[in-house]
Structure formats: structure tokens, C-alpha cells
Amino acid sequence: SNSKYKSGDLMVQDGAGKTIFKATPMADAFTAEDNSGNFVFFVERVM
């Protein structure tokens, strides 16, 4: 029922099943988005 979710992604939902945010992991960074594709936060690996 959640067409935005793909195998390999990371997704966090609340207890009722509403998506809080999701991300597609990469080697050095990822962007977390809500279920509508809106930006939530960005994480990057640094030295």
C-alpha cells in the first residue's frame, strides 16, 4: 500500500503505520525524506 517503499531502502513508521521518513543508503551519505518526498534531513560521512 506504500508505493514509495522499495526493497533496500530504510523506512521508519509510527505505531499506526504512518511513514515518518525513509532513505536510500549510499556509500557516504543519504537524504531522508517523508512519504511525499519532502526533505527531512541529510547525513554525510566526513573525515
All heavy atoms as atom14 arrays in JSON, in Angstrom:
{
  "sequence": "SNSKYKSGDLMVQDGAGKTIFKATPMADAFTAEDNSGNFVFFVERVM",
  "atom14_mask": [
    [1, 1, 1, 1, 1, 1, 0, 0, 0, 0, 0, 0, 0, 0],
    [1, 1, 1, 1, 1, 1, 1, 1, 0, 0, 0, 0, 0, 0],
    [1, 1, 1, 1, 1, 1, 0, 0, 0, 0, 0, 0, 0, 0],
    [1, 1, 1, 1, 1, 1, 1, 1, 1, 0, 0, 0, 0, 0],
    [1, 1, 1, 1, 1, 1, 1, 1, 1, 1, 1, 1, 0, 0],
    [1, 1, 1, 1, 1, 1, 1, 1, 1, 0, 0, 0, 0, 0],
    [1, 1, 1, 1, 1, 1, 0, 0, 0, 0, 0, 0, 0, 0],
    [1, 1, 1, 1, 0, 0, 0, 0, 0, 0, 0, 0, 0, 0],
    [1, 1, 1, 1, 1, 1, 1, 1, 0, 0, 0, 0, 0, 0],
    [1, 1, 1, 1, 1, 1, 1, 1, 0, 0, 0, 0, 0, 0],
    [1, 1, 1, 1, 1, 1, 1, 1, 0, 0, 0, 0, 0, 0],
    [1, 1, 1, 1, 1, 1, 1, 0, 0, 0, 0, 0, 0, 0],
    [1, 1, 1, 1, 1, 1, 1, 1, 1, 0, 0, 0, 0, 0],
    [1, 1, 1, 1, 1, 1, 1, 1, 0, 0, 0, 0, 0, 0],
    [1, 1, 1, 1, 0, 0, 0, 0, 0, 0, 0, 0, 0, 0],
    [1, 1, 1, 1, 1, 0, 0, 0, 0, 0, 0, 0, 0, 0],
    [1, 1, 1, 1, 0, 0, 0, 0, 0, 0, 0, 0, 0, 0],
    [1, 1, 1, 1, 1, 1, 1, 1, 1, 0, 0, 0, 0, 0],
    [1, 1, 1, 1, 1, 1, 1, 0, 0, 0, 0, 0, 0, 0],
    [1, 1, 1, 1, 1, 1, 1, 1, 0, 0, 0, 0, 0, 0],
    [1, 1, 1, 1, 1, 1, 1, 1, 1, 1, 1, 0, 0, 0],
    [1, 1, 1, 1, 1, 1, 1, 1, 1, 0, 0, 0, 0, 0],
    [1, 1, 1, 1, 1, 0, 0, 0, 0, 0, 0, 0, 0, 0],
    [1, 1, 1, 1, 1, 1, 1, 0, 0, 0, 0, 0, 0, 0],
    [1, 1, 1, 1, 1, 1, 1, 0, 0, 0, 0, 0, 0, 0],
    [1, 1, 1, 1, 1, 1, 1, 1, 0, 0, 0, 0, 0, 0],
    [1, 1, 1, 1, 1, 0, 0, 0, 0, 0, 0, 0, 0, 0],
    [1, 1, 1, 1, 1, 1, 1, 1, 0, 0, 0, 0, 0, 0],
    [1, 1, 1, 1, 1, 0, 0, 0, 0, 0, 0, 0, 0, 0],
    [1, 1, 1, 1, 1, 1, 1, 1, 1, 1, 1, 0, 0, 0],
    [1, 1, 1, 1, 1, 1, 1, 0, 0, 0, 0, 0, 0, 0],
    [1, 1, 1, 1, 1, 0, 0, 0, 0, 0, 0, 0, 0, 0],
    [1, 1, 1, 1, 1, 1, 1, 1, 1, 0, 0, 0, 0, 0],
    [1, 1, 1, 1, 1, 1, 1, 1, 0, 0, 0, 0, 0, 0],
    [1, 1, 1, 1, 1, 1, 1, 1, 0, 0, 0, 0, 0, 0],
    [1, 1, 1, 1, 1, 1, 0, 0, 0, 0, 0, 0, 0, 0],
    [1, 1, 1, 1, 0, 0, 0, 0, 0, 0, 0, 0, 0, 0],
    [1, 1, 1, 1, 1, 1, 1, 1, 0, 0, 0, 0, 0, 0],
    [1, 1, 1, 1, 1, 1, 1, 1, 1, 1, 1, 0, 0, 0],
    [1, 1, 1, 1, 1, 1, 1, 0, 0, 0, 0, 0, 0, 0],
    [1, 1, 1, 1, 1, 1, 1, 1, 1, 1, 1, 0, 0, 0],
    [1, 1, 1, 1, 1, 1, 1, 1, 1, 1, 1, 0, 0, 0],
    [1, 1, 1, 1, 1, 1, 1, 0, 0, 0, 0, 0, 0, 0],
    [1, 1, 1, 1, 1, 1, 1, 1, 1, 0, 0, 0, 0, 0],
    [1, 1, 1, 1, 1, 1, 1, 1, 1, 1, 1, 0, 0, 0],
    [1, 1, 1, 1, 1, 1, 1, 0, 0, 0, 0, 0, 0, 0],
    [1, 1, 1, 1, 1, 1, 1, 1, 0, 0, 0, 0, 0, 0]
  ],
  "atom14_positions": [
    [[0.82, -1.2, 0.0], [0.0, 0.0, 0.0], [0.85, 1.26, 0.0], [0.36, 2.34, -0.25], [-0.93, 0.0, 1.22], [-0.17, 0.15, 2.41], [0.0, 0.0, 0.0], [0.0, 0.0, 0.0], [0.0, 0.0, 0.0], [0.0, 0.0, 0.0], [0.0, 0.0, 0.0], [0.0, 0.0, 0.0], [0.0, 0.0, 0.0], [0.0, 0.0, 0.0]],
    [[2.13, 1.11, 0.31], [3.04, 2.25, 0.31], [3.92, 2.15, -0.93], [4.97, 1.54, -0.9], [3.89, 2.24, 1.6], [4.75, 3.48, 1.71], [4.93, 4.22, 0.74], [5.28, 3.7, 2.89], [0.0, 0.0, 0.0], [0.0, 0.0, 0.0], [0.0, 0.0, 0.0], [0.0, 0.0, 0.0], [0.0, 0.0, 0.0], [0.0, 0.0, 0.0]],
    [[3.48, 2.76, -2.03], [4.17, 2.61, -3.31], [5.54, 3.26, -3.33], [6.33, 3.02, -4.24], [3.31, 3.19, -4.43], [3.08, 4.57, -4.2], [0.0, 0.0, 0.0], [0.0, 0.0, 0.0], [0.0, 0.0, 0.0], [0.0, 0.0, 0.0], [0.0, 0.0, 0.0], [0.0, 0.0, 0.0], [0.0, 0.0, 0.0], [0.0, 0.0, 0.0]],
    [[5.85, 4.08, -2.31], [7.13, 4.78, -2.28], [8.25, 3.91, -1.71], [9.41, 4.24, -1.84], [7.03, 6.06, -1.43], [6.01, 7.06, -1.94], [6.57, 7.86, -3.08], [5.61, 8.99, -3.47], [6.14, 9.83, -4.53], [0.0, 0.0, 0.0], [0.0, 0.0, 0.0], [0.0, 0.0, 0.0], [0.0, 0.0, 0.0], [0.0, 0.0, 0.0]],
    [[7.89, 2.82, -1.06], [8.9, 1.98, -0.41], [9.47, 0.96, -1.38], [8.74, 0.3, -2.1], [8.3, 1.25, 0.8], [9.3, 0.34, 1.47], [10.34, 0.87, 2.23], [9.21, -1.03, 1.33], [11.27, 0.03, 2.83], [10.13, -1.87, 1.93], [11.15, -1.32, 2.68], [12.08, -2.15, 3.27], [0.0, 0.0, 0.0], [0.0, 0.0, 0.0]],
    [[10.8, 0.85, -1.4], [11.48, -0.12, -2.25], [12.37, -0.99, -1.38], [12.91, -0.55, -0.38], [12.36, 0.58, -3.3], [11.66, 1.61, -4.14], [12.56, 2.09, -5.29], [13.88, 2.67, -4.81], [13.75, 3.95, -4.11], [0.0, 0.0, 0.0], [0.0, 0.0, 0.0], [0.0, 0.0, 0.0], [0.0, 0.0, 0.0], [0.0, 0.0, 0.0]],
    [[12.54, -2.23, -1.81], [13.46, -3.12, -1.12], [14.85, -2.51, -1.13], [15.31, -2.01, -2.14], [13.48, -4.48, -1.81], [14.4, -5.35, -1.18], [0.0, 0.0, 0.0], [0.0, 0.0, 0.0], [0.0, 0.0, 0.0], [0.0, 0.0, 0.0], [0.0, 0.0, 0.0], [0.0, 0.0, 0.0], [0.0, 0.0, 0.0], [0.0, 0.0, 0.0]],
    [[15.52, -2.53, 0.02], [16.85, -1.94, 0.13], [16.83, -0.56, 0.76], [17.85, -0.08, 1.25], [0.0, 0.0, 0.0], [0.0, 0.0, 0.0], [0.0, 0.0, 0.0], [0.0, 0.0, 0.0], [0.0, 0.0, 0.0], [0.0, 0.0, 0.0], [0.0, 0.0, 0.0], [0.0, 0.0, 0.0], [0.0, 0.0, 0.0], [0.0, 0.0, 0.0]],
    [[15.65, 0.08, 0.76], [15.52, 1.36, 1.44], [15.4, 1.12, 2.94], [15.15, 0.01, 3.39], [14.28, 2.11, 0.95], [14.49, 2.79, -0.39], [15.62, 2.72, -0.9], [13.52, 3.36, -0.92], [0.0, 0.0, 0.0], [0.0, 0.0, 0.0], [0.0, 0.0, 0.0], [0.0, 0.0, 0.0], [0.0, 0.0, 0.0], [0.0, 0.0, 0.0]],
    [[15.56, 2.18, 3.7], [15.32, 2.18, 5.13], [14.12, 3.07, 5.38], [14.07, 4.19, 4.88], [16.54, 2.69, 5.88], [17.81, 1.87, 5.67], [19.03, 2.62, 6.15], [17.7, 0.53, 6.37], [0.0, 0.0, 0.0], [0.0, 0.0, 0.0], [0.0, 0.0, 0.0], [0.0, 0.0, 0.0], [0.0, 0.0, 0.0], [0.0, 0.0, 0.0]],
    [[13.14, 2.57, 6.13], [11.93, 3.33, 6.35], [11.5, 3.22, 7.8], [11.55, 2.14, 8.39], [10.81, 2.86, 5.43], [9.54, 3.67, 5.53], [8.34, 3.28, 4.23], [7.83, 1.64, 4.72], [0.0, 0.0, 0.0], [0.0, 0.0, 0.0], [0.0, 0.0, 0.0], [0.0, 0.0, 0.0], [0.0, 0.0, 0.0], [0.0, 0.0, 0.0]],
    [[11.08, 4.34, 8.38], [10.6, 4.37, 9.75], [9.16, 4.84, 9.77], [8.84, 5.89, 9.19], [11.46, 5.31, 10.62], [10.92, 5.37, 12.06], [12.91, 4.85, 10.63], [0.0, 0.0, 0.0], [0.0, 0.0, 0.0], [0.0, 0.0, 0.0], [0.0, 0.0, 0.0], [0.0, 0.0, 0.0], [0.0, 0.0, 0.0], [0.0, 0.0, 0.0]],
    [[8.3, 4.06, 10.39], [6.89, 4.41, 10.53], [6.54, 4.51, 12.0], [7.23, 3.95, 12.86], [6.01, 3.34, 9.88], [6.2, 3.21, 8.38], [5.3, 2.13, 7.78], [4.91, 1.2, 8.46], [4.99, 2.28, 6.5], [0.0, 0.0, 0.0], [0.0, 0.0, 0.0], [0.0, 0.0, 0.0], [0.0, 0.0, 0.0], [0.0, 0.0, 0.0]],
    [[5.45, 5.21, 12.31], [4.98, 5.24, 13.68], [4.21, 3.95, 13.97], [4.1, 3.07, 13.11], [4.14, 6.49, 13.95], [2.86, 6.55, 13.12], [2.42, 5.52, 12.57], [2.29, 7.66, 13.02], [0.0, 0.0, 0.0], [0.0, 0.0, 0.0], [0.0, 0.0, 0.0], [0.0, 0.0, 0.0], [0.0, 0.0, 0.0], [0.0, 0.0, 0.0]],
    [[3.67, 3.84, 15.17], [3.0, 2.61, 15.56], [1.78, 2.29, 14.73], [1.4, 1.12, 14.6], [0.0, 0.0, 0.0], [0.0, 0.0, 0.0], [0.0, 0.0, 0.0], [0.0, 0.0, 0.0], [0.0, 0.0, 0.0], [0.0, 0.0, 0.0], [0.0, 0.0, 0.0], [0.0, 0.0, 0.0], [0.0, 0.0, 0.0], [0.0, 0.0, 0.0]],
    [[1.17, 3.32, 14.13], [-0.03, 3.12, 13.31], [0.3, 2.83, 11.85], [-0.6, 2.59, 11.05], [-0.92, 4.35, 13.4], [0.0, 0.0, 0.0], [0.0, 0.0, 0.0], [0.0, 0.0, 0.0], [0.0, 0.0, 0.0], [0.0, 0.0, 0.0], [0.0, 0.0, 0.0], [0.0, 0.0, 0.0], [0.0, 0.0, 0.0], [0.0, 0.0, 0.0]],
    [[1.59, 2.85, 11.5], [1.99, 2.55, 10.13], [2.16, 3.77, 9.25], [2.37, 3.63, 8.05], [0.0, 0.0, 0.0], [0.0, 0.0, 0.0], [0.0, 0.0, 0.0], [0.0, 0.0, 0.0], [0.0, 0.0, 0.0], [0.0, 0.0, 0.0], [0.0, 0.0, 0.0], [0.0, 0.0, 0.0], [0.0, 0.0, 0.0], [0.0, 0.0, 0.0]],
    [[2.09, 4.98, 9.82], [2.31, 6.2, 9.03], [3.81, 6.46, 8.9], [4.54, 6.45, 9.88], [1.65, 7.4, 9.71], [1.82, 8.69, 8.94], [1.16, 9.86, 9.66], [1.38, 11.16, 8.91], [0.75, 12.32, 9.61], [0.0, 0.0, 0.0], [0.0, 0.0, 0.0], [0.0, 0.0, 0.0], [0.0, 0.0, 0.0], [0.0, 0.0, 0.0]],
    [[4.27, 6.67, 7.66], [5.69, 6.87, 7.42], [6.17, 8.2, 7.99], [5.59, 9.25, 7.71], [6.01, 6.82, 5.91], [5.66, 5.52, 5.43], [7.49, 7.07, 5.65], [0.0, 0.0, 0.0], [0.0, 0.0, 0.0], [0.0, 0.0, 0.0], [0.0, 0.0, 0.0], [0.0, 0.0, 0.0], [0.0, 0.0, 0.0], [0.0, 0.0, 0.0]],
    [[7.24, 8.14, 8.8], [7.87, 9.34, 9.34], [8.93, 9.83, 8.37], [8.96, 10.99, 8.01], [8.48, 9.05, 10.72], [7.39, 8.59, 11.69], [9.2, 10.28, 11.26], [7.91, 8.11, 13.02], [0.0, 0.0, 0.0], [0.0, 0.0, 0.0], [0.0, 0.0, 0.0], [0.0, 0.0, 0.0], [0.0, 0.0, 0.0], [0.0, 0.0, 0.0]],
    [[9.81, 8.92, 7.98], [10.75, 9.23, 6.9], [11.39, 7.96, 6.39], [11.28, 6.9, 6.99], [11.82, 10.25, 7.33], [12.7, 9.83, 8.46], [13.8, 9.02, 8.27], [12.44, 10.29, 9.74], [14.62, 8.66, 9.31], [13.26, 9.93, 10.79], [14.35, 9.11, 10.59], [0.0, 0.0, 0.0], [0.0, 0.0, 0.0], [0.0, 0.0, 0.0]],
    [[12.05, 8.09, 5.24], [12.73, 6.95, 4.62], [13.96, 7.47, 3.9], [14.1, 8.66, 3.64], [11.79, 6.25, 3.65], [11.23, 7.13, 2.54], [10.25, 6.33, 1.71], [9.67, 7.15, 0.58], [8.76, 8.18, 0.98], [0.0, 0.0, 0.0], [0.0, 0.0, 0.0], [0.0, 0.0, 0.0], [0.0, 0.0, 0.0], [0.0, 0.0, 0.0]],
    [[14.88, 6.55, 3.59], [16.13, 6.93, 2.93], [16.65, 5.75, 2.14], [16.39, 4.59, 2.47], [17.17, 7.38, 3.96], [0.0, 0.0, 0.0], [0.0, 0.0, 0.0], [0.0, 0.0, 0.0], [0.0, 0.0, 0.0], [0.0, 0.0, 0.0], [0.0, 0.0, 0.0], [0.0, 0.0, 0.0], [0.0, 0.0, 0.0], [0.0, 0.0, 0.0]],
    [[17.39, 6.05, 1.09], [18.11, 5.04, 0.33], [19.58, 5.16, 0.69], [20.23, 6.15, 0.33], [17.93, 5.24, -1.18], [16.54, 5.14, -1.51], [18.71, 4.19, -1.96], [0.0, 0.0, 0.0], [0.0, 0.0, 0.0], [0.0, 0.0, 0.0], [0.0, 0.0, 0.0], [0.0, 0.0, 0.0], [0.0, 0.0, 0.0], [0.0, 0.0, 0.0]],
    [[20.15, 4.21, 1.45], [21.54, 4.3, 1.87], [22.5, 4.3, 0.68], [22.3, 3.59, -0.3], [21.74, 3.06, 2.73], [20.37, 2.66, 3.14], [19.49, 3.02, 1.99], [0.0, 0.0, 0.0], [0.0, 0.0, 0.0], [0.0, 0.0, 0.0], [0.0, 0.0, 0.0], [0.0, 0.0, 0.0], [0.0, 0.0, 0.0], [0.0, 0.0, 0.0]],
    [[23.55, 5.13, 0.79], [24.63, 5.16, -0.17], [25.94, 4.99, 0.57], [25.94, 4.82, 1.79], [24.6, 6.48, -0.95], [23.33, 6.69, -1.77], [23.27, 8.3, -2.58], [22.93, 9.37, -1.19], [0.0, 0.0, 0.0], [0.0, 0.0, 0.0], [0.0, 0.0, 0.0], [0.0, 0.0, 0.0], [0.0, 0.0, 0.0], [0.0, 0.0, 0.0]],
    [[27.04, 5.03, -0.14], [28.34, 4.77, 0.5], [28.7, 5.82, 1.53], [29.19, 5.5, 2.6], [29.42, 4.7, -0.58], [0.0, 0.0, 0.0], [0.0, 0.0, 0.0], [0.0, 0.0, 0.0], [0.0, 0.0, 0.0], [0.0, 0.0, 0.0], [0.0, 0.0, 0.0], [0.0, 0.0, 0.0], [0.0, 0.0, 0.0], [0.0, 0.0, 0.0]],
    [[28.47, 7.09, 1.23], [28.96, 8.15, 2.1], [27.89, 9.11, 2.58], [28.2, 10.05, 3.31], [30.06, 8.95, 1.37], [31.28, 8.1, 1.08], [31.73, 7.4, 2.0], [31.77, 8.13, -0.05], [0.0, 0.0, 0.0], [0.0, 0.0, 0.0], [0.0, 0.0, 0.0], [0.0, 0.0, 0.0], [0.0, 0.0, 0.0], [0.0, 0.0, 0.0]],
    [[26.66, 8.95, 2.18], [25.63, 9.91, 2.57], [24.25, 9.34, 2.29], [24.1, 8.34, 1.6], [25.81, 11.22, 1.8], [0.0, 0.0, 0.0], [0.0, 0.0, 0.0], [0.0, 0.0, 0.0], [0.0, 0.0, 0.0], [0.0, 0.0, 0.0], [0.0, 0.0, 0.0], [0.0, 0.0, 0.0], [0.0, 0.0, 0.0], [0.0, 0.0, 0.0]],
    [[23.24, 9.98, 2.85], [21.87, 9.7, 2.46], [21.0, 10.9, 2.8], [21.31, 11.69, 3.68], [21.32, 8.43, 3.13], [21.23, 8.49, 4.63], [20.14, 9.09, 5.25], [22.2, 7.91, 5.41], [20.05, 9.13, 6.63], [22.12, 7.95, 6.79], [21.04, 8.57, 7.41], [0.0, 0.0, 0.0], [0.0, 0.0, 0.0], [0.0, 0.0, 0.0]],
    [[19.92, 11.03, 2.05], [18.92, 12.06, 2.3], [17.65, 11.39, 2.78], [17.14, 10.48, 2.13], [18.62, 12.87, 1.03], [19.82, 13.53, 0.6], [17.55, 13.91, 1.29], [0.0, 0.0, 0.0], [0.0, 0.0, 0.0], [0.0, 0.0, 0.0], [0.0, 0.0, 0.0], [0.0, 0.0, 0.0], [0.0, 0.0, 0.0], [0.0, 0.0, 0.0]],
    [[17.15, 11.81, 3.92], [15.9, 11.27, 4.45], [14.76, 12.15, 3.97], [14.82, 13.38, 4.01], [15.95, 11.24, 5.97], [0.0, 0.0, 0.0], [0.0, 0.0, 0.0], [0.0, 0.0, 0.0], [0.0, 0.0, 0.0], [0.0, 0.0, 0.0], [0.0, 0.0, 0.0], [0.0, 0.0, 0.0], [0.0, 0.0, 0.0], [0.0, 0.0, 0.0]],
    [[13.69, 11.5, 3.51], [12.51, 12.19, 3.01], [11.26, 11.63, 3.67], [11.26, 10.48, 4.13], [12.4, 12.02, 1.49], [13.59, 12.56, 0.71], [13.46, 12.29, -0.78], [12.66, 11.41, -1.15], [14.14, 12.96, -1.56], [0.0, 0.0, 0.0], [0.0, 0.0, 0.0], [0.0, 0.0, 0.0], [0.0, 0.0, 0.0], [0.0, 0.0, 0.0]],
    [[10.21, 12.44, 3.7], [8.95, 11.91, 4.2], [8.25, 11.15, 3.09], [8.78, 11.01, 1.98], [8.06, 13.03, 4.78], [7.61, 14.05, 3.74], [7.63, 13.74, 2.53], [7.22, 15.15, 4.15], [0.0, 0.0, 0.0], [0.0, 0.0, 0.0], [0.0, 0.0, 0.0], [0.0, 0.0, 0.0], [0.0, 0.0, 0.0], [0.0, 0.0, 0.0]],
    [[7.05, 10.66, 3.35], [6.37, 9.79, 2.38], [5.94, 10.52, 1.11], [5.62, 9.89, 0.11], [5.15, 9.14, 3.04], [4.74, 7.87, 2.32], [5.58, 7.12, 1.84], [3.45, 7.62, 2.26], [0.0, 0.0, 0.0], [0.0, 0.0, 0.0], [0.0, 0.0, 0.0], [0.0, 0.0, 0.0], [0.0, 0.0, 0.0], [0.0, 0.0, 0.0]],
    [[5.95, 11.86, 1.16], [5.6, 12.65, -0.02], [6.83, 13.12, -0.79], [6.71, 13.85, -1.78], [4.76, 13.87, 0.4], [3.56, 13.47, 0.99], [0.0, 0.0, 0.0], [0.0, 0.0, 0.0], [0.0, 0.0, 0.0], [0.0, 0.0, 0.0], [0.0, 0.0, 0.0], [0.0, 0.0, 0.0], [0.0, 0.0, 0.0], [0.0, 0.0, 0.0]],
    [[8.01, 12.7, -0.33], [9.24, 13.09, -1.0], [9.81, 14.41, -0.53], [10.77, 14.93, -1.13], [0.0, 0.0, 0.0], [0.0, 0.0, 0.0], [0.0, 0.0, 0.0], [0.0, 0.0, 0.0], [0.0, 0.0, 0.0], [0.0, 0.0, 0.0], [0.0, 0.0, 0.0], [0.0, 0.0, 0.0], [0.0, 0.0, 0.0], [0.0, 0.0, 0.0]],
    [[9.26, 14.98, 0.55], [9.78, 16.23, 1.09], [11.03, 15.97, 1.93], [11.09, 15.0, 2.69], [8.72, 16.92, 1.96], [7.47, 17.26, 1.18], [7.55, 17.82, 0.09], [6.31, 16.91, 1.72], [0.0, 0.0, 0.0], [0.0, 0.0, 0.0], [0.0, 0.0, 0.0], [0.0, 0.0, 0.0], [0.0, 0.0, 0.0], [0.0, 0.0, 0.0]],
    [[12.01, 16.85, 1.81], [13.26, 16.72, 2.54], [13.03, 16.75, 4.05], [12.25, 17.57, 4.55], [14.2, 17.86, 2.12], [15.48, 17.91, 2.9], [16.57, 17.13, 2.51], [15.6, 18.73, 4.0], [17.76, 17.18, 3.24], [16.77, 18.78, 4.73], [17.86, 18.01, 4.34], [0.0, 0.0, 0.0], [0.0, 0.0, 0.0], [0.0, 0.0, 0.0]],
    [[13.71, 15.86, 4.78], [13.64, 15.84, 6.24], [15.0, 16.19, 6.84], [15.13, 17.14, 7.61], [13.16, 14.47, 6.77], [13.14, 14.47, 8.29], [11.77, 14.15, 6.24], [0.0, 0.0, 0.0], [0.0, 0.0, 0.0], [0.0, 0.0, 0.0], [0.0, 0.0, 0.0], [0.0, 0.0, 0.0], [0.0, 0.0, 0.0], [0.0, 0.0, 0.0]],
    [[16.03, 15.41, 6.51], [17.38, 15.77, 6.92], [18.39, 15.04, 6.05], [18.06, 14.09, 5.35], [17.64, 15.51, 8.41], [17.6, 14.06, 8.82], [18.74, 13.28, 8.81], [16.42, 13.48, 9.26], [18.7, 11.95, 9.18], [16.37, 12.15, 9.66], [17.52, 11.38, 9.61], [0.0, 0.0, 0.0], [0.0, 0.0, 0.0], [0.0, 0.0, 0.0]],
    [[19.62, 15.5, 6.12], [20.71, 14.96, 5.3], [21.84, 14.52, 6.22], [22.15, 15.18, 7.21], [21.21, 16.04, 4.33], [22.37, 15.61, 3.47], [22.15, 14.88, 2.31], [23.67, 15.94, 3.81], [23.22, 14.49, 1.51], [24.74, 15.56, 3.02], [24.51, 14.82, 1.86], [0.0, 0.0, 0.0], [0.0, 0.0, 0.0], [0.0, 0.0, 0.0]],
    [[22.45, 13.37, 5.92], [23.58, 12.86, 6.7], [24.71, 12.54, 5.74], [24.48, 11.94, 4.69], [23.2, 11.59, 7.49], [24.41, 11.04, 8.23], [22.07, 11.88, 8.47], [0.0, 0.0, 0.0], [0.0, 0.0, 0.0], [0.0, 0.0, 0.0], [0.0, 0.0, 0.0], [0.0, 0.0, 0.0], [0.0, 0.0, 0.0], [0.0, 0.0, 0.0]],
    [[25.93, 12.94, 6.09], [27.09, 12.61, 5.27], [28.25, 12.15, 6.15], [28.41, 12.58, 7.28], [27.52, 13.8, 4.42], [28.01, 15.0, 5.22], [28.46, 16.13, 4.32], [29.1, 15.83, 3.29], [28.18, 17.3, 4.64], [0.0, 0.0, 0.0], [0.0, 0.0, 0.0], [0.0, 0.0, 0.0], [0.0, 0.0, 0.0], [0.0, 0.0, 0.0]],
    [[29.04, 11.24, 5.58], [30.24, 10.75, 6.26], [31.36, 11.76, 6.03], [31.54, 12.25, 4.92], [30.64, 9.4, 5.66], [31.72, 8.67, 6.43], [32.31, 7.54, 5.59], [31.3, 6.65, 5.06], [31.06, 5.42, 5.51], [31.76, 4.95, 6.51], [30.14, 4.66, 4.96], [0.0, 0.0, 0.0], [0.0, 0.0, 0.0], [0.0, 0.0, 0.0]],
    [[32.1, 12.08, 7.09], [33.2, 13.04, 6.98], [34.45, 12.45, 7.63], [34.4, 11.45, 8.34], [32.85, 14.39, 7.64], [31.69, 15.05, 6.92], [32.52, 14.2, 9.12], [0.0, 0.0, 0.0], [0.0, 0.0, 0.0], [0.0, 0.0, 0.0], [0.0, 0.0, 0.0], [0.0, 0.0, 0.0], [0.0, 0.0, 0.0], [0.0, 0.0, 0.0]],
    [[35.57, 13.09, 7.38], [36.83, 12.66, 7.99], [36.97, 13.33, 9.35], [36.49, 14.44, 9.56], [38.01, 13.04, 7.09], [37.98, 12.32, 5.76], [38.05, 10.52, 5.91], [39.72, 10.3, 6.54], [0.0, 0.0, 0.0], [0.0, 0.0, 0.0], [0.0, 0.0, 0.0], [0.0, 0.0, 0.0], [0.0, 0.0, 0.0], [0.0, 0.0, 0.0]]
  ]
}
